[in-house]
Amino acid sequence: MAATRSQHRGMVRLMLKFPRVRGALQLLEVRKPTVINLYEAYEDACSTLETLQVAALSDPVLLAEYAALCTEIETDVIALCLAFERNGS
């Protein structure tokens, strides 16, 4: 299953933010293809957060929700990476 541009951008964002797990992020894409859905969700959440941050009249509650969503996805992906590195699967 080939990753879409959005899924790939999400993975690249994570790789840039968490260089220690770059290899695991790439291997997860191959060994657990469903992880690309998390990559896509991360890209979408980050893009929306960036848009809201530059908008002059952004709702602070919405900003906080998207920031929390980005953090939650990061936490989930890092947990997957650490489990993958520990168990090899």
PDB file of N, CA and C in Angstrom:
ATOM      1  N   MET A   1       0.849  -1.169   0.000  1.00  0.00           N
ATOM      2  CA  MET A   1       0.000   0.000   0.000  1.00  0.00           C
ATOM      3  C   MET A   1       0.896   1.235   0.000  1.00  0.00           C
ATOM      4  N   ALA A   2       0.824   2.024  -1.032  1.00  0.00           N
ATOM      5  CA  ALA A   2       1.655   3.216  -1.154  1.00  0.00           C
ATOM      6  C   ALA A   2       1.042   4.368  -0.371  1.00  0.00           C
ATOM      7  N   ALA A   3       1.893   5.104   0.289  1.00  0.00           N
ATOM      8  CA  ALA A   3       1.435   6.238   1.092  1.00  0.00           C
ATOM      9  C   ALA A   3       1.061   7.401   0.186  1.00  0.00           C
ATOM     10  N   THR A   4       0.027   8.130   0.592  1.00  0.00           N
ATOM     11  CA  THR A   4      -0.355   9.337  -0.123  1.00  0.00           C
ATOM     12  C   THR A   4       0.619  10.449   0.257  1.00  0.00           C
ATOM     13  N   ARG A   5       0.520  11.552  -0.443  1.00  0.00           N
ATOM     14  CA  ARG A   5       1.392  12.696  -0.126  1.00  0.00           C
ATOM     15  C   ARG A   5       1.174  13.166   1.306  1.00  0.00           C
ATOM     16  N   SER A   6      -0.074  13.211   1.720  1.00  0.00           N
ATOM     17  CA  SER A   6      -0.393  13.660   3.076  1.00  0.00           C
ATOM     18  C   SER A   6       0.196  12.710   4.119  1.00  0.00           C
ATOM     19  N   GLN A   7       0.096  11.428   3.866  1.00  0.00           N
ATOM     20  CA  GLN A   7       0.655  10.440   4.791  1.00  0.00           C
ATOM     21  C   GLN A   7       2.171  10.572   4.857  1.00  0.00           C
ATOM     22  N   HIS A   8       2.782  10.755   3.704  1.00  0.00           N
ATOM     23  CA  HIS A   8       4.240  10.911   3.658  1.00  0.00           C
ATOM     24  C   HIS A   8       4.676  12.186   4.380  1.00  0.00           C
ATOM     25  N   ARG A   9       3.964  13.282   4.164  1.00  0.00           N
ATOM     26  CA  ARG A   9       4.304  14.534   4.847  1.00  0.00           C
ATOM     27  C   ARG A   9       4.181  14.383   6.358  1.00  0.00           C
ATOM     28  N   GLY A  10       3.160  13.657   6.807  1.00  0.00           N
ATOM     29  CA  GLY A  10       3.002  13.418   8.240  1.00  0.00           C
ATOM     30  C   GLY A  10       4.176  12.653   8.810  1.00  0.00           C
ATOM     31  N   MET A  11       4.631  11.633   8.072  1.00  0.00           N
ATOM     32  CA  MET A  11       5.787  10.865   8.529  1.00  0.00           C
ATOM     33  C   MET A  11       7.033  11.749   8.566  1.00  0.00           C
ATOM     34  N   VAL A  12       7.215  12.572   7.554  1.00  0.00           N
ATOM     35  CA  VAL A  12       8.386  13.454   7.505  1.00  0.00           C
ATOM     36  C   VAL A  12       8.346  14.452   8.656  1.00  0.00           C
ATOM     37  N   ARG A  13       7.184  15.000   8.950  1.00  0.00           N
ATOM     38  CA  ARG A  13       7.064  15.919  10.106  1.00  0.00           C
ATOM     39  C   ARG A  13       7.515  15.218  11.383  1.00  0.00           C
ATOM     40  N   LEU A  14       7.045  13.999  11.563  1.00  0.00           N
ATOM     41  CA  LEU A  14       7.428  13.241  12.760  1.00  0.00           C
ATOM     42  C   LEU A  14       8.921  12.944  12.768  1.00  0.00           C
ATOM     43  N   MET A  15       9.473  12.618  11.615  1.00  0.00           N
ATOM     44  CA  MET A  15      10.910  12.337  11.527  1.00  0.00           C
ATOM     45  C   MET A  15      11.733  13.566  11.891  1.00  0.00           C
ATOM     46  N   LEU A  16      11.266  14.733  11.468  1.00  0.00           N
ATOM     47  CA  LEU A  16      11.986  15.966  11.790  1.00  0.00           C
ATOM     48  C   LEU A  16      11.870  16.312  13.272  1.00  0.00           C
ATOM     49  N   LYS A  17      10.712  16.069  13.841  1.00  0.00           N
ATOM     50  CA  LYS A  17      10.504  16.401  15.248  1.00  0.00           C
ATOM     51  C   LYS A  17      11.163  15.396  16.189  1.00  0.00           C
ATOM     52  N   PHE A  18      11.226  14.135  15.752  1.00  0.00           N
ATOM     53  CA  PHE A  18      11.765  13.060  16.593  1.00  0.00           C
ATOM     54  C   PHE A  18      12.844  12.292  15.841  1.00  0.00           C
ATOM     55  N   PRO A  19      14.010  12.892  15.660  1.00  0.00           N
ATOM     56  CA  PRO A  19      15.049  12.238  14.860  1.00  0.00           C
ATOM     57  C   PRO A  19      15.516  10.898  15.431  1.00  0.00           C
ATOM     58  N   ARG A  20      15.378  10.700  16.716  1.00  0.00           N
ATOM     59  CA  ARG A  20      15.833   9.455  17.329  1.00  0.00           C
ATOM     60  C   ARG A  20      15.077   8.233  16.811  1.00  0.00           C
ATOM     61  N   VAL A  21      13.841   8.431  16.375  1.00  0.00           N
ATOM     62  CA  VAL A  21      13.032   7.284  15.928  1.00  0.00           C
ATOM     63  C   VAL A  21      12.782   7.286  14.414  1.00  0.00           C
ATOM     64  N   ARG A  22      13.599   8.006  13.678  1.00  0.00           N
ATOM     65  CA  ARG A  22      13.410   8.075  12.218  1.00  0.00           C
ATOM     66  C   ARG A  22      13.366   6.702  11.568  1.00  0.00           C
ATOM     67  N   GLY A  23      14.316   5.872  11.920  1.00  0.00           N
ATOM     68  CA  GLY A  23      14.362   4.531  11.328  1.00  0.00           C
ATOM     69  C   GLY A  23      13.128   3.725  11.662  1.00  0.00           C
ATOM     70  N   ALA A  24      12.699   3.800  12.895  1.00  0.00           N
ATOM     71  CA  ALA A  24      11.500   3.057  13.311  1.00  0.00           C
ATOM     72  C   ALA A  24      10.267   3.570  12.577  1.00  0.00           C
ATOM     73  N   LEU A  25      10.190   4.885  12.377  1.00  0.00           N
ATOM     74  CA  LEU A  25       9.055   5.441  11.640  1.00  0.00           C
ATOM     75  C   LEU A  25       8.991   4.885  10.221  1.00  0.00           C
ATOM     76  N   GLN A  26      10.132   4.774   9.586  1.00  0.00           N
ATOM     77  CA  GLN A  26      10.177   4.242   8.222  1.00  0.00           C
ATOM     78  C   GLN A  26       9.850   2.750   8.203  1.00  0.00           C
ATOM     79  N   LEU A  27      10.387   2.006   9.164  1.00  0.00           N
ATOM     80  CA  LEU A  27      10.120   0.570   9.217  1.00  0.00           C
ATOM     81  C   LEU A  27       8.663   0.275   9.568  1.00  0.00           C
ATOM     82  N   LEU A  28       8.090   1.094  10.437  1.00  0.00           N
ATOM     83  CA  LEU A  28       6.685   0.901  10.780  1.00  0.00           C
ATOM     84  C   LEU A  28       5.803   1.021   9.547  1.00  0.00           C
ATOM     85  N   GLU A  29       6.134   1.948   8.683  1.00  0.00           N
ATOM     86  CA  GLU A  29       5.338   2.141   7.467  1.00  0.00           C
ATOM     87  C   GLU A  29       5.323   0.857   6.636  1.00  0.00           C
ATOM     88  N   VAL A  30       6.444   0.149   6.624  1.00  0.00           N
ATOM     89  CA  VAL A  30       6.554  -1.080   5.838  1.00  0.00           C
ATOM     90  C   VAL A  30       5.935  -2.268   6.575  1.00  0.00           C
ATOM     91  N   ARG A  31       6.234  -2.394   7.856  1.00  0.00           N
ATOM     92  CA  ARG A  31       5.822  -3.591   8.610  1.00  0.00           C
ATOM     93  C   ARG A  31       4.412  -3.488   9.200  1.00  0.00           C
ATOM     94  N   LYS A  32       3.966  -2.280   9.462  1.00  0.00           N
ATOM     95  CA  LYS A  32       2.612  -2.056   9.992  1.00  0.00           C
ATOM     96  C   LYS A  32       1.964  -0.947   9.167  1.00  0.00           C
ATOM     97  N   PRO A  33       1.517  -1.295   7.968  1.00  0.00           N
ATOM     98  CA  PRO A  33       1.019  -0.278   7.033  1.00  0.00           C
ATOM     99  C   PRO A  33      -0.118   0.592   7.578  1.00  0.00           C
ATOM    100  N   THR A  34      -0.834   0.104   8.575  1.00  0.00           N
ATOM    101  CA  THR A  34      -1.928   0.914   9.112  1.00  0.00           C
ATOM    102  C   THR A  34      -1.430   2.169   9.833  1.00  0.00           C
ATOM    103  N   VAL A  35      -0.146   2.199  10.189  1.00  0.00           N
ATOM    104  CA  VAL A  35       0.401   3.382  10.862  1.00  0.00           C
ATOM    105  C   VAL A  35       0.342   4.614   9.957  1.00  0.00           C
ATOM    106  N   ILE A  36       0.266   4.409   8.653  1.00  0.00           N
ATOM    107  CA  ILE A  36       0.220   5.572   7.768  1.00  0.00           C
ATOM    108  C   ILE A  36      -1.050   6.390   7.978  1.00  0.00           C
ATOM    109  N   ASN A  37      -2.077   5.758   8.537  1.00  0.00           N
ATOM    110  CA  ASN A  37      -3.283   6.522   8.872  1.00  0.00           C
ATOM    111  C   ASN A  37      -2.984   7.534   9.978  1.00  0.00           C
ATOM    112  N   LEU A  38      -2.127   7.140  10.922  1.00  0.00           N
ATOM    113  CA  LEU A  38      -1.705   8.080  11.969  1.00  0.00           C
ATOM    114  C   LEU A  38      -0.848   9.196  11.374  1.00  0.00           C
ATOM    115  N   TYR A  39       0.002   8.849  10.426  1.00  0.00           N
ATOM    116  CA  TYR A  39       0.831   9.866   9.766  1.00  0.00           C
ATOM    117  C   TYR A  39      -0.055  10.890   9.063  1.00  0.00           C
ATOM    118  N   GLU A  40      -1.091  10.400   8.390  1.00  0.00           N
ATOM    119  CA  GLU A  40      -2.003  11.308   7.686  1.00  0.00           C
ATOM    120  C   GLU A  40      -2.775  12.181   8.678  1.00  0.00           C
ATOM    121  N   ALA A  41      -3.246  11.590   9.750  1.00  0.00           N
ATOM    122  CA  ALA A  41      -3.963  12.352  10.771  1.00  0.00           C
ATOM    123  C   ALA A  41      -3.056  13.418  11.373  1.00  0.00           C
ATOM    124  N   TYR A  42      -1.785  13.077  11.562  1.00  0.00           N
ATOM    125  CA  TYR A  42      -0.822  14.038  12.106  1.00  0.00           C
ATOM    126  C   TYR A  42      -0.613  15.197  11.138  1.00  0.00           C
ATOM    127  N   GLU A  43      -0.468  14.896   9.871  1.00  0.00           N
ATOM    128  CA  GLU A  43      -0.310  15.945   8.862  1.00  0.00           C
ATOM    129  C   GLU A  43      -1.525  16.859   8.852  1.00  0.00           C
ATOM    130  N   ASP A  44      -2.699  16.280   8.859  1.00  0.00           N
ATOM    131  CA  ASP A  44      -3.926  17.079   8.841  1.00  0.00           C
ATOM    132  C   ASP A  44      -4.032  17.963  10.087  1.00  0.00           C
ATOM    133  N   ALA A  45      -3.744  17.396  11.244  1.00  0.00           N
ATOM    134  CA  ALA A  45      -3.833  18.158  12.494  1.00  0.00           C
ATOM    135  C   ALA A  45      -2.793  19.281  12.535  1.00  0.00           C
ATOM    136  N   CYS A  46      -1.568  18.980  12.110  1.00  0.00           N
ATOM    137  CA  CYS A  46      -0.510  19.997  12.108  1.00  0.00           C
ATOM    138  C   CYS A  46      -0.819  21.121  11.121  1.00  0.00           C
ATOM    139  N   SER A  47      -1.296  20.754   9.956  1.00  0.00           N
ATOM    140  CA  SER A  47      -1.639  21.766   8.946  1.00  0.00           C
ATOM    141  C   SER A  47      -2.741  22.687   9.453  1.00  0.00           C
ATOM    142  N   THR A  48      -3.757  22.094  10.058  1.00  0.00           N
ATOM    143  CA  THR A  48      -4.856  22.901  10.605  1.00  0.00           C
ATOM    144  C   THR A  48      -4.360  23.783  11.736  1.00  0.00           C
ATOM    145  N   LEU A  49      -3.532  23.244  12.608  1.00  0.00           N
ATOM    146  CA  LEU A  49      -2.982  24.027  13.708  1.00  0.00           C
ATOM    147  C   LEU A  49      -2.179  25.211  13.181  1.00  0.00           C
ATOM    148  N   GLU A  50      -1.344  24.980  12.182  1.00  0.00           N
ATOM    149  CA  GLU A  50      -0.557  26.066  11.597  1.00  0.00           C
ATOM    150  C   GLU A  50      -1.453  27.145  10.992  1.00  0.00           C
ATOM    151  N   THR A  51      -2.512  26.734  10.323  1.00  0.00           N
ATOM    152  CA  THR A  51      -3.458  27.684   9.732  1.00  0.00           C
ATOM    153  C   THR A  51      -4.123  28.515  10.821  1.00  0.00           C
ATOM    154  N   LEU A  52      -4.540  27.854  11.878  1.00  0.00           N
ATOM    155  CA  LEU A  52      -5.184  28.564  12.989  1.00  0.00           C
ATOM    156  C   LEU A  52      -4.221  29.520  13.686  1.00  0.00           C
ATOM    157  N   GLN A  53      -2.958  29.137  13.790  1.00  0.00           N
ATOM    158  CA  GLN A  53      -1.977  29.973  14.473  1.00  0.00           C
ATOM    159  C   GLN A  53      -1.728  31.285  13.740  1.00  0.00           C
ATOM    160  N   VAL A  54      -1.843  31.283  12.427  1.00  0.00           N
ATOM    161  CA  VAL A  54      -1.585  32.518  11.676  1.00  0.00           C
ATOM    162  C   VAL A  54      -2.849  33.334  11.442  1.00  0.00           C
ATOM    163  N   ALA A  55      -4.008  32.739  11.682  1.00  0.00           N
ATOM    164  CA  ALA A  55      -5.268  33.465  11.510  1.00  0.00           C
ATOM    165  C   ALA A  55      -5.426  34.472  12.644  1.00  0.00           C
ATOM    166  N   ALA A  56      -5.801  35.668  12.278  1.00  0.00           N
ATOM    167  CA  ALA A  56      -5.896  36.761  13.252  1.00  0.00           C
ATOM    168  C   ALA A  56      -6.980  36.518  14.301  1.00  0.00           C
ATOM    169  N   LEU A  57      -8.059  35.882  13.928  1.00  0.00           N
ATOM    170  CA  LEU A  57      -9.187  35.735  14.848  1.00  0.00           C
ATOM    171  C   LEU A  57      -9.433  34.282  15.252  1.00  0.00           C
ATOM    172  N   SER A  58      -8.383  33.530  15.406  1.00  0.00           N
ATOM    173  CA  SER A  58      -8.533  32.118  15.761  1.00  0.00           C
ATOM    174  C   SER A  58      -9.091  31.953  17.165  1.00  0.00           C
ATOM    175  N   ASP A  59      -9.920  30.970  17.311  1.00  0.00           N
ATOM    176  CA  ASP A  59     -10.512  30.622  18.597  1.00  0.00           C
ATOM    177  C   ASP A  59      -9.458  29.922  19.455  1.00  0.00           C
ATOM    178  N   PRO A  60      -9.136  30.472  20.625  1.00  0.00           N
ATOM    179  CA  PRO A  60      -8.112  29.857  21.482  1.00  0.00           C
ATOM    180  C   PRO A  60      -8.459  28.428  21.908  1.00  0.00           C
ATOM    181  N   VAL A  61      -9.726  28.131  22.054  1.00  0.00           N
ATOM    182  CA  VAL A  61     -10.138  26.780  22.436  1.00  0.00           C
ATOM    183  C   VAL A  61      -9.829  25.809  21.302  1.00  0.00           C
ATOM    184  N   LEU A  62     -10.117  26.221  20.071  1.00  0.00           N
ATOM    185  CA  LEU A  62      -9.832  25.391  18.912  1.00  0.00           C
ATOM    186  C   LEU A  62      -8.328  25.190  18.741  1.00  0.00           C
ATOM    187  N   LEU A  63      -7.561  26.252  18.966  1.00  0.00           N
ATOM    188  CA  LEU A  63      -6.097  26.142  18.927  1.00  0.00           C
ATOM    189  C   LEU A  63      -5.607  25.098  19.933  1.00  0.00           C
ATOM    190  N   ALA A  64      -6.125  25.179  21.137  1.00  0.00           N
ATOM    191  CA  ALA A  64      -5.716  24.239  22.189  1.00  0.00           C
ATOM    192  C   ALA A  64      -6.104  22.807  21.828  1.00  0.00           C
ATOM    193  N   GLU A  65      -7.288  22.644  21.237  1.00  0.00           N
ATOM    194  CA  GLU A  65      -7.730  21.304  20.847  1.00  0.00           C
ATOM    195  C   GLU A  65      -6.810  20.698  19.792  1.00  0.00           C
ATOM    196  N   TYR A  66      -6.431  21.489  18.793  1.00  0.00           N
ATOM    197  CA  TYR A  66      -5.553  20.959  17.747  1.00  0.00           C
ATOM    198  C   TYR A  66      -4.135  20.727  18.268  1.00  0.00           C
ATOM    199  N   ALA A  67      -3.662  21.584  19.152  1.00  0.00           N
ATOM    200  CA  ALA A  67      -2.347  21.366  19.751  1.00  0.00           C
ATOM    201  C   ALA A  67      -2.353  20.065  20.553  1.00  0.00           C
ATOM    202  N   ALA A  68      -3.438  19.831  21.300  1.00  0.00           N
ATOM    203  CA  ALA A  68      -3.556  18.596  22.085  1.00  0.00           C
ATOM    204  C   ALA A  68      -3.656  17.381  21.170  1.00  0.00           C
ATOM    205  N   LEU A  69      -4.375  17.510  20.067  1.00  0.00           N
ATOM    206  CA  LEU A  69      -4.496  16.405  19.117  1.00  0.00           C
ATOM    207  C   LEU A  69      -3.134  16.037  18.526  1.00  0.00           C
ATOM    208  N   CYS A  70      -2.347  17.050  18.163  1.00  0.00           N
ATOM    209  CA  CYS A  70      -0.995  16.794  17.641  1.00  0.00           C
ATOM    210  C   CYS A  70      -0.155  16.051  18.674  1.00  0.00           C
ATOM    211  N   THR A  71      -0.224  16.494  19.904  1.00  0.00           N
ATOM    212  CA  THR A  71       0.532  15.860  20.982  1.00  0.00           C
ATOM    213  C   THR A  71       0.079  14.419  21.208  1.00  0.00           C
ATOM    214  N   GLU A  72      -1.224  14.179  21.166  1.00  0.00           N
ATOM    215  CA  GLU A  72      -1.740  12.822  21.342  1.00  0.00           C
ATOM    216  C   GLU A  72      -1.247  11.889  20.238  1.00  0.00           C
ATOM    217  N   ILE A  73      -1.277  12.367  19.007  1.00  0.00           N
ATOM    218  CA  ILE A  73      -0.807  11.531  17.894  1.00  0.00           C
ATOM    219  C   ILE A  73       0.689  11.270  18.036  1.00  0.00           C
ATOM    220  N   GLU A  74       1.447  12.296  18.406  1.00  0.00           N
ATOM    221  CA  GLU A  74       2.890  12.115  18.623  1.00  0.00           C
ATOM    222  C   GLU A  74       3.135  11.045  19.678  1.00  0.00           C
ATOM    223  N   THR A  75       2.401  11.111  20.763  1.00  0.00           N
ATOM    224  CA  THR A  75       2.547  10.146  21.849  1.00  0.00           C
ATOM    225  C   THR A  75       2.247   8.731  21.364  1.00  0.00           C
ATOM    226  N   ASP A  76       1.164   8.584  20.605  1.00  0.00           N
ATOM    227  CA  ASP A  76       0.797   7.264  20.079  1.00  0.00           C
ATOM    228  C   ASP A  76       1.866   6.715  19.136  1.00  0.00           C
ATOM    229  N   VAL A  77       2.346   7.564  18.246  1.00  0.00           N
ATOM    230  CA  VAL A  77       3.344   7.110  17.268  1.00  0.00           C
ATOM    231  C   VAL A  77       4.661   6.770  17.956  1.00  0.00           C
ATOM    232  N   ILE A  78       5.081   7.587  18.901  1.00  0.00           N
ATOM    233  CA  ILE A  78       6.331   7.306  19.619  1.00  0.00           C
ATOM    234  C   ILE A  78       6.200   6.001  20.408  1.00  0.00           C
ATOM    235  N   ALA A  79       5.049   5.766  21.009  1.00  0.00           N
ATOM    236  CA  ALA A  79       4.837   4.499  21.727  1.00  0.00           C
ATOM    237  C   ALA A  79       4.949   3.315  20.762  1.00  0.00           C
ATOM    238  N   LEU A  80       4.392   3.446  19.572  1.00  0.00           N
ATOM    239  CA  LEU A  80       4.514   2.389  18.563  1.00  0.00           C
ATOM    240  C   LEU A  80       5.970   2.171  18.176  1.00  0.00           C
ATOM    241  N   CYS A  81       6.698   3.269  17.994  1.00  0.00           N
ATOM    242  CA  CYS A  81       8.115   3.169  17.616  1.00  0.00           C
ATOM    243  C   CYS A  81       8.926   2.477  18.704  1.00  0.00           C
ATOM    244  N   LEU A  82       8.707   2.868  19.940  1.00  0.00           N
ATOM    245  CA  LEU A  82       9.453   2.265  21.044  1.00  0.00           C
ATOM    246  C   LEU A  82       9.124   0.787  21.189  1.00  0.00           C
ATOM    247  N   ALA A  83       7.858   0.436  21.028  1.00  0.00           N
ATOM    248  CA  ALA A  83       7.472  -0.969  21.089  1.00  0.00           C
ATOM    249  C   ALA A  83       8.093  -1.744  19.932  1.00  0.00           C
ATOM    250  N   PHE A  84       8.124  -1.134  18.769  1.00  0.00           N
ATOM    251  CA  PHE A  84       8.718  -1.770  17.600  1.00  0.00           C
ATOM    252  C   PHE A  84      10.209  -2.000  17.814  1.00  0.00           C
ATOM    253  N   GLU A  85      10.885  -0.971  18.329  1.00  0.00           N
ATOM    254  CA  GLU A  85      12.335  -1.112  18.577  1.00  0.00           C
ATOM    255  C   GLU A  85      12.611  -2.173  19.638  1.00  0.00           C
ATOM    256  N   ARG A  86      11.739  -2.249  20.630  1.00  0.00           N
ATOM    257  CA  ARG A  86      11.926  -3.214  21.728  1.00  0.00           C
ATOM    258  C   ARG A  86      11.621  -4.643  21.280  1.00  0.00           C
ATOM    259  N   ASN A  87      10.538  -4.807  20.528  1.00  0.00           N
ATOM    260  CA  ASN A  87      10.071  -6.148  20.168  1.00  0.00           C
ATOM    261  C   ASN A  87      10.366  -6.539  18.735  1.00  0.00           C
ATOM    262  N   GLY A  88      10.697  -5.580  17.908  1.00  0.00           N
ATOM    263  CA  GLY A  88      10.947  -5.883  16.508  1.00  0.00           C
ATOM    264  C   GLY A  88       9.676  -6.143  15.717  1.00  0.00           C
ATOM    265  N   SER A  89       8.543  -5.790  16.303  1.00  0.00           N
ATOM    266  CA  SER A  89       7.271  -5.966  15.579  1.00  0.00           C
ATOM    267  C   SER A  89       6.224  -5.018  16.093  1.00  0.00           C
TER     268      SER A  89
END
